[in-house]
């Protein structure tokens, strides 16, 4: 195994796919935030709802795994 992963095309491709993945993740989080009957950010930050935080964390992990699998 050489240093094929260090070629500029591979590095640029990885960065592009990472940015696409972050964009899809953020978009899906915003959509889910709009679909819920309350403001997720207010519940998490201001009211410090730990149960909702655990649910949102699980949702984020699930979306991240799906996006990573789709890009891979």
PDB file of N, CA and C in Angstrom:
ATOM      1  N   UNK A   1       0.848  -1.187   0.000  1.00  0.00           N
ATOM      2  CA  UNK A   1       0.000   0.000   0.000  1.00  0.00           C
ATOM      3  C   UNK A   1       0.882   1.233   0.000  1.00  0.00           C
ATOM      4  N   UNK A   2       0.774   2.006  -1.002  1.00  0.00           N
ATOM      5  CA  UNK A   2       1.573   3.208  -1.120  1.00  0.00           C
ATOM      6  C   UNK A   2       0.883   4.391  -0.483  1.00  0.00           C
ATOM      7  N   UNK A   3       1.137   5.517  -1.073  1.00  0.00           N
ATOM      8  CA  UNK A   3       0.509   6.737  -0.562  1.00  0.00           C
ATOM      9  C   UNK A   3      -0.538   7.233  -1.564  1.00  0.00           C
ATOM     10  N   UNK A   4      -1.326   6.283  -2.109  1.00  0.00           N
ATOM     11  CA  UNK A   4      -2.365   6.668  -3.064  1.00  0.00           C
ATOM     12  C   UNK A   4      -3.391   7.594  -2.434  1.00  0.00           C
ATOM     13  N   UNK A   5      -3.622   7.442  -1.132  1.00  0.00           N
ATOM     14  CA  UNK A   5      -4.634   8.253  -0.454  1.00  0.00           C
ATOM     15  C   UNK A   5      -4.192   9.701  -0.308  1.00  0.00           C
ATOM     16  N   UNK A   6      -2.920   9.996  -0.593  1.00  0.00           N
ATOM     17  CA  UNK A   6      -2.400  11.351  -0.440  1.00  0.00           C
ATOM     18  C   UNK A   6      -2.432  12.138  -1.753  1.00  0.00           C
ATOM     19  N   UNK A   7      -2.922  11.538  -2.817  1.00  0.00           N
ATOM     20  CA  UNK A   7      -3.012  12.232  -4.097  1.00  0.00           C
ATOM     21  C   UNK A   7      -4.021  13.373  -3.985  1.00  0.00           C
ATOM     22  N   UNK A   8      -3.772  14.487  -4.677  1.00  0.00           N
ATOM     23  CA  UNK A   8      -4.680  15.639  -4.575  1.00  0.00           C
ATOM     24  C   UNK A   8      -6.129  15.312  -4.942  1.00  0.00           C
ATOM     25  N   UNK A   9      -6.345  14.486  -5.938  1.00  0.00           N
ATOM     26  CA  UNK A   9      -7.716  14.161  -6.341  1.00  0.00           C
ATOM     27  C   UNK A   9      -8.443  13.412  -5.227  1.00  0.00           C
ATOM     28  N   UNK A  10      -7.748  12.544  -4.520  1.00  0.00           N
ATOM     29  CA  UNK A  10      -8.364  11.791  -3.439  1.00  0.00           C
ATOM     30  C   UNK A  10      -8.684  12.713  -2.263  1.00  0.00           C
ATOM     31  N   UNK A  11      -7.769  13.612  -1.950  1.00  0.00           N
ATOM     32  CA  UNK A  11      -7.981  14.551  -0.833  1.00  0.00           C
ATOM     33  C   UNK A  11      -9.150  15.488  -1.155  1.00  0.00           C
ATOM     34  N   UNK A  12      -9.179  16.024  -2.360  1.00  0.00           N
ATOM     35  CA  UNK A  12     -10.264  16.926  -2.753  1.00  0.00           C
ATOM     36  C   UNK A  12     -11.596  16.175  -2.768  1.00  0.00           C
ATOM     37  N   UNK A  13     -11.605  14.952  -3.265  1.00  0.00           N
ATOM     38  CA  UNK A  13     -12.827  14.153  -3.272  1.00  0.00           C
ATOM     39  C   UNK A  13     -13.328  13.894  -1.858  1.00  0.00           C
ATOM     40  N   UNK A  14     -12.421  13.603  -0.950  1.00  0.00           N
ATOM     41  CA  UNK A  14     -12.815  13.372   0.443  1.00  0.00           C
ATOM     42  C   UNK A  14     -13.405  14.627   1.065  1.00  0.00           C
ATOM     43  N   UNK A  15     -12.807  15.764   0.785  1.00  0.00           N
ATOM     44  CA  UNK A  15     -13.320  17.025   1.333  1.00  0.00           C
ATOM     45  C   UNK A  15     -14.691  17.338   0.751  1.00  0.00           C
ATOM     46  N   UNK A  16     -14.863  17.124  -0.543  1.00  0.00           N
ATOM     47  CA  UNK A  16     -16.153  17.397  -1.183  1.00  0.00           C
ATOM     48  C   UNK A  16     -17.237  16.496  -0.603  1.00  0.00           C
ATOM     49  N   UNK A  17     -16.939  15.197  -0.469  1.00  0.00           N
ATOM     50  CA  UNK A  17     -17.929  14.283   0.098  1.00  0.00           C
ATOM     51  C   UNK A  17     -18.227  14.603   1.559  1.00  0.00           C
ATOM     52  N   UNK A  18     -17.221  15.042   2.306  1.00  0.00           N
ATOM     53  CA  UNK A  18     -17.457  15.432   3.697  1.00  0.00           C
ATOM     54  C   UNK A  18     -18.381  16.648   3.759  1.00  0.00           C
ATOM     55  N   UNK A  19     -18.164  17.627   2.903  1.00  0.00           N
ATOM     56  CA  UNK A  19     -19.022  18.814   2.879  1.00  0.00           C
ATOM     57  C   UNK A  19     -20.444  18.469   2.440  1.00  0.00           C
ATOM     58  N   UNK A  20     -20.573  17.568   1.480  1.00  0.00           N
ATOM     59  CA  UNK A  20     -21.908  17.127   1.060  1.00  0.00           C
ATOM     60  C   UNK A  20     -22.611  16.428   2.219  1.00  0.00           C
ATOM     61  N   UNK A  21     -21.891  15.570   2.919  1.00  0.00           N
ATOM     62  CA  UNK A  21     -22.469  14.862   4.059  1.00  0.00           C
ATOM     63  C   UNK A  21     -22.904  15.804   5.165  1.00  0.00           C
ATOM     64  N   UNK A  22     -22.088  16.799   5.464  1.00  0.00           N
ATOM     65  CA  UNK A  22     -22.444  17.785   6.490  1.00  0.00           C
ATOM     66  C   UNK A  22     -23.659  18.592   6.054  1.00  0.00           C
ATOM     67  N   UNK A  23     -23.709  18.949   4.782  1.00  0.00           N
ATOM     68  CA  UNK A  23     -24.855  19.701   4.273  1.00  0.00           C
ATOM     69  C   UNK A  23     -26.146  18.896   4.341  1.00  0.00           C
ATOM     70  N   UNK A  24     -26.084  17.629   3.951  1.00  0.00           N
ATOM     71  CA  UNK A  24     -27.276  16.777   4.018  1.00  0.00           C
ATOM     72  C   UNK A  24     -27.697  16.582   5.464  1.00  0.00           C
ATOM     73  N   UNK A  25     -26.729  16.377   6.350  1.00  0.00           N
ATOM     74  CA  UNK A  25     -27.051  16.201   7.767  1.00  0.00           C
ATOM     75  C   UNK A  25     -27.728  17.447   8.324  1.00  0.00           C
ATOM     76  N   UNK A  26     -27.184  18.603   8.047  1.00  0.00           N
ATOM     77  CA  UNK A  26     -27.748  19.843   8.575  1.00  0.00           C
ATOM     78  C   UNK A  26     -29.148  20.095   8.008  1.00  0.00           C
ATOM     79  N   UNK A  27     -29.325  19.823   6.734  1.00  0.00           N
ATOM     80  CA  UNK A  27     -30.631  19.992   6.113  1.00  0.00           C
ATOM     81  C   UNK A  27     -31.662  19.054   6.741  1.00  0.00           C
ATOM     82  N   UNK A  28     -31.274  17.813   6.965  1.00  0.00           N
ATOM     83  CA  UNK A  28     -32.215  16.871   7.568  1.00  0.00           C
ATOM     84  C   UNK A  28     -32.538  17.263   9.011  1.00  0.00           C
ATOM     85  N   UNK A  29     -31.563  17.794   9.740  1.00  0.00           N
ATOM     86  CA  UNK A  29     -31.834  18.259  11.098  1.00  0.00           C
ATOM     87  C   UNK A  29     -32.816  19.425  11.082  1.00  0.00           C
ATOM     88  N   UNK A  30     -32.656  20.355  10.155  1.00  0.00           N
ATOM     89  CA  UNK A  30     -33.576  21.485  10.055  1.00  0.00           C
ATOM     90  C   UNK A  30     -34.986  21.034   9.691  1.00  0.00           C
ATOM     91  N   UNK A  31     -35.092  20.036   8.816  1.00  0.00           N
ATOM     92  CA  UNK A  31     -36.404  19.519   8.442  1.00  0.00           C
ATOM     93  C   UNK A  31     -37.073  18.868   9.649  1.00  0.00           C
ATOM     94  N   UNK A  32     -36.326  18.077  10.389  1.00  0.00           N
ATOM     95  CA  UNK A  32     -36.899  17.433  11.573  1.00  0.00           C
ATOM     96  C   UNK A  32     -37.257  18.482  12.623  1.00  0.00           C
ATOM     97  N   UNK A  33     -36.451  19.522  12.743  1.00  0.00           N
ATOM     98  CA  UNK A  33     -36.754  20.595  13.694  1.00  0.00           C
ATOM     99  C   UNK A  33     -38.065  21.289  13.319  1.00  0.00           C
ATOM    100  N   UNK A  34     -38.318  21.474  12.020  1.00  0.00           N
ATOM    101  CA  UNK A  34     -39.559  22.116  11.582  1.00  0.00           C
ATOM    102  C   UNK A  34     -40.770  21.193  11.754  1.00  0.00           C
ATOM    103  N   UNK A  35     -40.553  19.877  11.673  1.00  0.00           N
ATOM    104  CA  UNK A  35     -41.657  18.928  11.798  1.00  0.00           C
ATOM    105  C   UNK A  35     -42.111  18.719  13.241  1.00  0.00           C
ATOM    106  N   UNK A  36     -41.230  18.991  14.193  1.00  0.00           N
ATOM    107  CA  UNK A  36     -41.602  18.797  15.595  1.00  0.00           C
ATOM    108  C   UNK A  36     -42.458  19.968  16.062  1.00  0.00           C
ATOM    109  N   UNK A  37     -43.353  19.730  17.025  1.00  0.00           N
ATOM    110  CA  UNK A  37     -44.267  20.803  17.457  1.00  0.00           C
ATOM    111  C   UNK A  37     -43.611  21.866  18.342  1.00  0.00           C
ATOM    112  N   UNK A  38     -42.363  21.703  18.702  1.00  0.00           N
ATOM    113  CA  UNK A  38     -41.688  22.676  19.550  1.00  0.00           C
ATOM    114  C   UNK A  38     -40.304  22.960  18.986  1.00  0.00           C
ATOM    115  N   UNK A  39     -39.673  23.996  19.483  1.00  0.00           N
ATOM    116  CA  UNK A  39     -38.348  24.393  19.013  1.00  0.00           C
ATOM    117  C   UNK A  39     -37.295  23.528  19.702  1.00  0.00           C
ATOM    118  N   UNK A  40     -36.625  22.689  18.937  1.00  0.00           N
ATOM    119  CA  UNK A  40     -35.632  21.786  19.518  1.00  0.00           C
ATOM    120  C   UNK A  40     -34.508  22.548  20.203  1.00  0.00           C
ATOM    121  N   UNK A  41     -34.022  23.593  19.547  1.00  0.00           N
ATOM    122  CA  UNK A  41     -32.884  24.324  20.104  1.00  0.00           C
ATOM    123  C   UNK A  41     -33.243  24.950  21.452  1.00  0.00           C
ATOM    124  N   UNK A  42     -34.431  25.526  21.563  1.00  0.00           N
ATOM    125  CA  UNK A  42     -34.855  26.134  22.833  1.00  0.00           C
ATOM    126  C   UNK A  42     -34.987  25.067  23.914  1.00  0.00           C
ATOM    127  N   UNK A  43     -35.573  23.930  23.563  1.00  0.00           N
ATOM    128  CA  UNK A  43     -35.734  22.848  24.533  1.00  0.00           C
ATOM    129  C   UNK A  43     -34.384  22.325  25.013  1.00  0.00           C
ATOM    130  N   UNK A  44     -33.430  22.217  24.099  1.00  0.00           N
ATOM    131  CA  UNK A  44     -32.125  21.660  24.468  1.00  0.00           C
ATOM    132  C   UNK A  44     -31.264  22.650  25.233  1.00  0.00           C
ATOM    133  N   UNK A  45     -31.200  23.882  24.780  1.00  0.00           N
ATOM    134  CA  UNK A  45     -30.268  24.848  25.344  1.00  0.00           C
ATOM    135  C   UNK A  45     -30.857  25.584  26.549  1.00  0.00           C
ATOM    136  N   UNK A  46     -32.040  26.119  26.392  1.00  0.00           N
ATOM    137  CA  UNK A  46     -32.593  26.951  27.455  1.00  0.00           C
ATOM    138  C   UNK A  46     -33.231  26.116  28.570  1.00  0.00           C
ATOM    139  N   UNK A  47     -34.017  25.107  28.193  1.00  0.00           N
ATOM    140  CA  UNK A  47     -34.703  24.298  29.200  1.00  0.00           C
ATOM    141  C   UNK A  47     -33.891  23.082  29.633  1.00  0.00           C
ATOM    142  N   UNK A  48     -32.813  22.796  28.925  1.00  0.00           N
ATOM    143  CA  UNK A  48     -31.891  21.691  29.206  1.00  0.00           C
ATOM    144  C   UNK A  48     -32.632  20.367  29.385  1.00  0.00           C
ATOM    145  N   UNK A  49     -33.444  20.037  28.413  1.00  0.00           N
ATOM    146  CA  UNK A  49     -34.229  18.808  28.410  1.00  0.00           C
ATOM    147  C   UNK A  49     -33.305  17.643  28.032  1.00  0.00           C
ATOM    148  N   UNK A  50     -32.868  16.872  29.020  1.00  0.00           N
ATOM    149  CA  UNK A  50     -31.908  15.802  28.774  1.00  0.00           C
ATOM    150  C   UNK A  50     -32.510  14.636  28.004  1.00  0.00           C
ATOM    151  N   UNK A  51     -33.776  14.341  28.252  1.00  0.00           N
ATOM    152  CA  UNK A  51     -34.420  13.257  27.512  1.00  0.00           C
ATOM    153  C   UNK A  51     -34.498  13.586  26.021  1.00  0.00           C
ATOM    154  N   UNK A  52     -34.865  14.806  25.714  1.00  0.00           N
ATOM    155  CA  UNK A  52     -34.901  15.230  24.317  1.00  0.00           C
ATOM    156  C   UNK A  52     -33.497  15.251  23.730  1.00  0.00           C
ATOM    157  N   UNK A  53     -32.519  15.617  24.537  1.00  0.00           N
ATOM    158  CA  UNK A  53     -31.130  15.604  24.076  1.00  0.00           C
ATOM    159  C   UNK A  53     -30.677  14.213  23.667  1.00  0.00           C
ATOM    160  N   UNK A  54     -31.079  13.198  24.433  1.00  0.00           N
ATOM    161  CA  UNK A  54     -30.728  11.818  24.090  1.00  0.00           C
ATOM    162  C   UNK A  54     -31.405  11.389  22.796  1.00  0.00           C
ATOM    163  N   UNK A  55     -32.662  11.789  22.615  1.00  0.00           N
ATOM    164  CA  UNK A  55     -33.380  11.442  21.390  1.00  0.00           C
ATOM    165  C   UNK A  55     -32.758  12.141  20.181  1.00  0.00           C
ATOM    166  N   UNK A  56     -32.422  13.412  20.330  1.00  0.00           N
ATOM    167  CA  UNK A  56     -31.801  14.153  19.231  1.00  0.00           C
ATOM    168  C   UNK A  56     -30.416  13.587  18.914  1.00  0.00           C
ATOM    169  N   UNK A  57     -29.666  13.180  19.937  1.00  0.00           N
ATOM    170  CA  UNK A  57     -28.354  12.574  19.707  1.00  0.00           C
ATOM    171  C   UNK A  57     -28.486  11.268  18.930  1.00  0.00           C
ATOM    172  N   UNK A  58     -29.466  10.445  19.296  1.00  0.00           N
ATOM    173  CA  UNK A  58     -29.692   9.193  18.568  1.00  0.00           C
ATOM    174  C   UNK A  58     -30.114   9.472  17.126  1.00  0.00           C
ATOM    175  N   UNK A  59     -30.955  10.494  16.943  1.00  0.00           N
ATOM    176  CA  UNK A  59     -31.382  10.871  15.607  1.00  0.00           C
ATOM    177  C   UNK A  59     -30.180  11.337  14.777  1.00  0.00           C
ATOM    178  N   UNK A  60     -29.323  12.125  15.380  1.00  0.00           N
ATOM    179  CA  UNK A  60     -28.137  12.620  14.670  1.00  0.00           C
ATOM    180  C   UNK A  60     -27.213  11.476  14.274  1.00  0.00           C
ATOM    181  N   UNK A  61     -27.021  10.522  15.168  1.00  0.00           N
ATOM    182  CA  UNK A  61     -26.191   9.366  14.829  1.00  0.00           C
ATOM    183  C   UNK A  61     -26.815   8.555  13.699  1.00  0.00           C
ATOM    184  N   UNK A  62     -28.110   8.363  13.753  1.00  0.00           N
ATOM    185  CA  UNK A  62     -28.784   7.622  12.694  1.00  0.00           C
ATOM    186  C   UNK A  62     -28.669   8.299  11.347  1.00  0.00           C
ATOM    187  N   UNK A  63     -28.901   9.596  11.308  1.00  0.00           N
ATOM    188  CA  UNK A  63     -28.780  10.346  10.052  1.00  0.00           C
ATOM    189  C   UNK A  63     -27.338  10.300   9.543  1.00  0.00           C
ATOM    190  N   UNK A  64     -26.384  10.435  10.452  1.00  0.00           N
ATOM    191  CA  UNK A  64     -24.975  10.400  10.060  1.00  0.00           C
ATOM    192  C   UNK A  64     -24.597   9.060   9.454  1.00  0.00           C
ATOM    193  N   UNK A  65     -25.075   7.964  10.039  1.00  0.00           N
ATOM    194  CA  UNK A  65     -24.773   6.637   9.506  1.00  0.00           C
ATOM    195  C   UNK A  65     -25.406   6.468   8.130  1.00  0.00           C
ATOM    196  N   UNK A  66     -26.628   6.925   7.955  1.00  0.00           N
ATOM    197  CA  UNK A  66     -27.293   6.810   6.656  1.00  0.00           C
ATOM    198  C   UNK A  66     -26.558   7.629   5.595  1.00  0.00           C
ATOM    199  N   UNK A  67     -26.176   8.858   5.927  1.00  0.00           N
ATOM    200  CA  UNK A  67     -25.451   9.711   4.970  1.00  0.00           C
ATOM    201  C   UNK A  67     -24.100   9.101   4.631  1.00  0.00           C
ATOM    202  N   UNK A  68     -23.393   8.595   5.635  1.00  0.00           N
ATOM    203  CA  UNK A  68     -22.086   7.982   5.384  1.00  0.00           C
ATOM    204  C   UNK A  68     -22.219   6.745   4.490  1.00  0.00           C
ATOM    205  N   UNK A  69     -23.240   5.931   4.738  1.00  0.00           N
ATOM    206  CA  UNK A  69     -23.447   4.748   3.914  1.00  0.00           C
ATOM    207  C   UNK A  69     -23.818   5.126   2.482  1.00  0.00           C
ATOM    208  N   UNK A  70     -24.608   6.181   2.331  1.00  0.00           N
ATOM    209  CA  UNK A  70     -25.005   6.611   0.987  1.00  0.00           C
ATOM    210  C   UNK A  70     -23.821   7.172   0.212  1.00  0.00           C
ATOM    211  N   UNK A  71     -22.944   7.883   0.902  1.00  0.00           N
ATOM    212  CA  UNK A  71     -21.770   8.458   0.215  1.00  0.00           C
ATOM    213  C   UNK A  71     -20.725   7.397  -0.062  1.00  0.00           C
ATOM    214  N   UNK A  72     -20.608   6.434   0.818  1.00  0.00           N
ATOM    215  CA  UNK A  72     -19.590   5.398   0.660  1.00  0.00           C
ATOM    216  C   UNK A  72     -19.913   4.559  -0.553  1.00  0.00           C
TER     217      UNK A  72
END
